[in-house]
């Protein structure tokens, strides 16, 4: 973020409910010729229809754009880093995810934690 981006006025921003996920995931790096062989382990702390909060090792650099893979789910989600504070990385999804997909992730996280 270089400070030149404009944000939507507050009355146009949508707020989406965040759900606690606490599920392992991977930040899948997009490399030369769109190769996705490299990844960084993370913990997905919260998730909404529009983004997620991830926990990563503080000293590991995270690219601005990547795919997020969630343990136990085949699909990957295109992400853009919105903010980073030490180990906390806040990402926005490149498109809103399907509410049924989010419900599946929440249910899977609940089932594996009990």
Protein backbone atom coordinates (compact mmCIF):
# COMPACT_ATOMS: atom_id res chain seq x y z
CA UNK A 1 0.00 0.00 0.00
CA UNK A 2 1.67 3.21 -1.11
CA UNK A 3 -0.94 5.63 0.21
CA UNK A 4 -2.28 6.55 -3.23
CA UNK A 5 -5.22 4.14 -3.11
CA UNK A 6 -8.60 5.65 -2.41
CA UNK A 7 -11.02 4.04 -0.03
CA UNK A 8 -14.76 3.88 -0.41
CA UNK A 9 -16.74 6.33 1.72
CA UNK A 10 -17.81 4.77 5.03
CA UNK A 11 -21.48 4.61 4.04
CA UNK A 12 -20.59 2.43 1.00
CA UNK A 13 -18.38 -0.07 2.83
CA UNK A 14 -19.97 -3.40 3.68
CA UNK A 15 -19.16 -5.06 6.96
CA UNK A 16 -19.11 -8.84 6.98
CA UNK A 17 -19.31 -10.98 10.10
CA UNK A 18 -16.00 -12.59 11.06
CA UNK A 19 -15.98 -16.19 12.22
CA UNK A 20 -13.29 -17.81 14.36
CA UNK A 21 -11.70 -20.57 12.30
CA UNK A 22 -8.32 -21.38 13.93
CA UNK A 23 -7.49 -23.79 11.13
CA UNK A 24 -4.10 -24.56 9.53
CA UNK A 25 -3.59 -23.25 6.04
CA UNK A 26 -0.95 -22.48 3.45
CA UNK A 27 -0.04 -19.29 1.63
CA UNK A 28 0.58 -20.61 -1.88
CA UNK A 29 3.03 -18.42 -3.77
CA UNK A 30 2.41 -17.63 -7.43
CA UNK A 31 5.76 -17.90 -9.19
CA UNK A 32 7.21 -17.77 -12.68
CA UNK A 33 4.76 -19.08 -15.34
CA UNK A 34 2.02 -19.15 -12.65
CA UNK A 35 3.73 -22.06 -10.88
CA UNK A 36 2.41 -22.64 -7.34
CA UNK A 37 4.98 -25.05 -5.91
CA UNK A 38 6.15 -22.98 -2.92
CA UNK A 39 4.08 -22.27 0.17
CA UNK A 40 4.24 -20.78 3.65
CA UNK A 41 2.40 -22.36 6.57
CA UNK A 42 -0.11 -20.20 8.40
CA UNK A 43 -2.96 -20.38 10.88
CA UNK A 44 -6.28 -18.95 9.71
CA UNK A 45 -7.61 -17.17 12.80
CA UNK A 46 -10.79 -15.58 11.45
CA UNK A 47 -12.64 -15.57 8.16
CA UNK A 48 -15.51 -13.66 6.55
CA UNK A 49 -17.01 -13.54 3.07
CA UNK A 50 -14.51 -10.84 2.11
CA UNK A 51 -11.26 -11.78 3.86
CA UNK A 52 -9.34 -13.42 6.67
CA UNK A 53 -6.86 -12.83 9.46
CA UNK A 54 -3.84 -15.10 9.26
CA UNK A 55 -1.01 -15.82 11.67
CA UNK A 56 2.45 -16.40 10.18
CA UNK A 57 5.99 -16.49 11.50
CA UNK A 58 6.88 -12.79 12.01
CA UNK A 59 10.20 -12.75 10.11
CA UNK A 60 8.90 -14.52 6.97
CA UNK A 61 7.98 -12.15 4.12
CA UNK A 62 4.48 -12.60 2.68
CA UNK A 63 3.84 -11.56 -0.94
CA UNK A 64 1.12 -9.01 -1.69
CA UNK A 65 -0.85 -11.51 -3.83
CA UNK A 66 -1.17 -15.26 -3.25
CA UNK A 67 -3.60 -18.15 -2.97
CA UNK A 68 -4.84 -19.33 0.43
CA UNK A 69 -5.24 -23.08 0.87
CA UNK A 70 -7.26 -24.31 3.86
CA UNK A 71 -6.39 -27.70 5.37
CA UNK A 72 -9.03 -30.25 4.35
CA UNK A 73 -10.49 -28.17 1.51
CA UNK A 74 -9.52 -28.55 -2.15
CA UNK A 75 -10.23 -25.02 -3.36
CA UNK A 76 -7.76 -22.15 -3.01
CA UNK A 77 -8.77 -18.51 -2.53
CA UNK A 78 -7.06 -15.61 -4.29
CA UNK A 79 -5.90 -13.06 -1.70
CA UNK A 80 -4.35 -9.61 -1.41
CA UNK A 81 -2.56 -8.44 1.75
CA UNK A 82 -4.35 -5.45 3.29
CA UNK A 83 -2.24 -5.05 6.46
CA UNK A 84 0.49 -6.74 8.45
CA UNK A 85 1.54 -6.36 12.07
CA UNK A 86 4.30 -8.78 13.05
CA UNK A 87 2.66 -12.24 12.86
CA UNK A 88 -0.87 -10.98 12.03
CA UNK A 89 -1.64 -10.68 8.31
CA UNK A 90 -5.02 -9.28 7.24
CA UNK A 91 -6.04 -10.27 3.71
CA UNK A 92 -8.91 -9.43 1.42
CA UNK A 93 -10.24 -12.06 -0.92
CA UNK A 94 -10.00 -11.09 -4.58
CA UNK A 95 -13.73 -11.85 -4.84
CA UNK A 96 -16.38 -12.50 -2.20
CA UNK A 97 -16.53 -16.17 -1.36
CA UNK A 98 -19.73 -18.14 -1.56
CA UNK A 99 -21.63 -18.15 1.79
CA UNK A 100 -22.05 -21.95 1.49
CA UNK A 101 -18.28 -22.34 1.16
CA UNK A 102 -17.73 -20.23 4.30
CA UNK A 103 -20.37 -22.27 6.15
CA UNK A 104 -18.54 -25.47 5.10
CA UNK A 105 -15.22 -24.10 6.44
CA UNK A 106 -16.86 -23.06 9.73
CA UNK A 107 -18.55 -26.46 10.11
CA UNK A 108 -15.29 -28.30 9.32
CA UNK A 109 -13.40 -26.21 11.89
CA UNK A 110 -16.09 -26.85 14.51
CA UNK A 111 -16.14 -30.60 13.86
CA UNK A 112 -12.36 -30.97 14.13
CA UNK A 113 -12.13 -28.88 17.33
CA UNK A 114 -14.68 -30.99 19.25
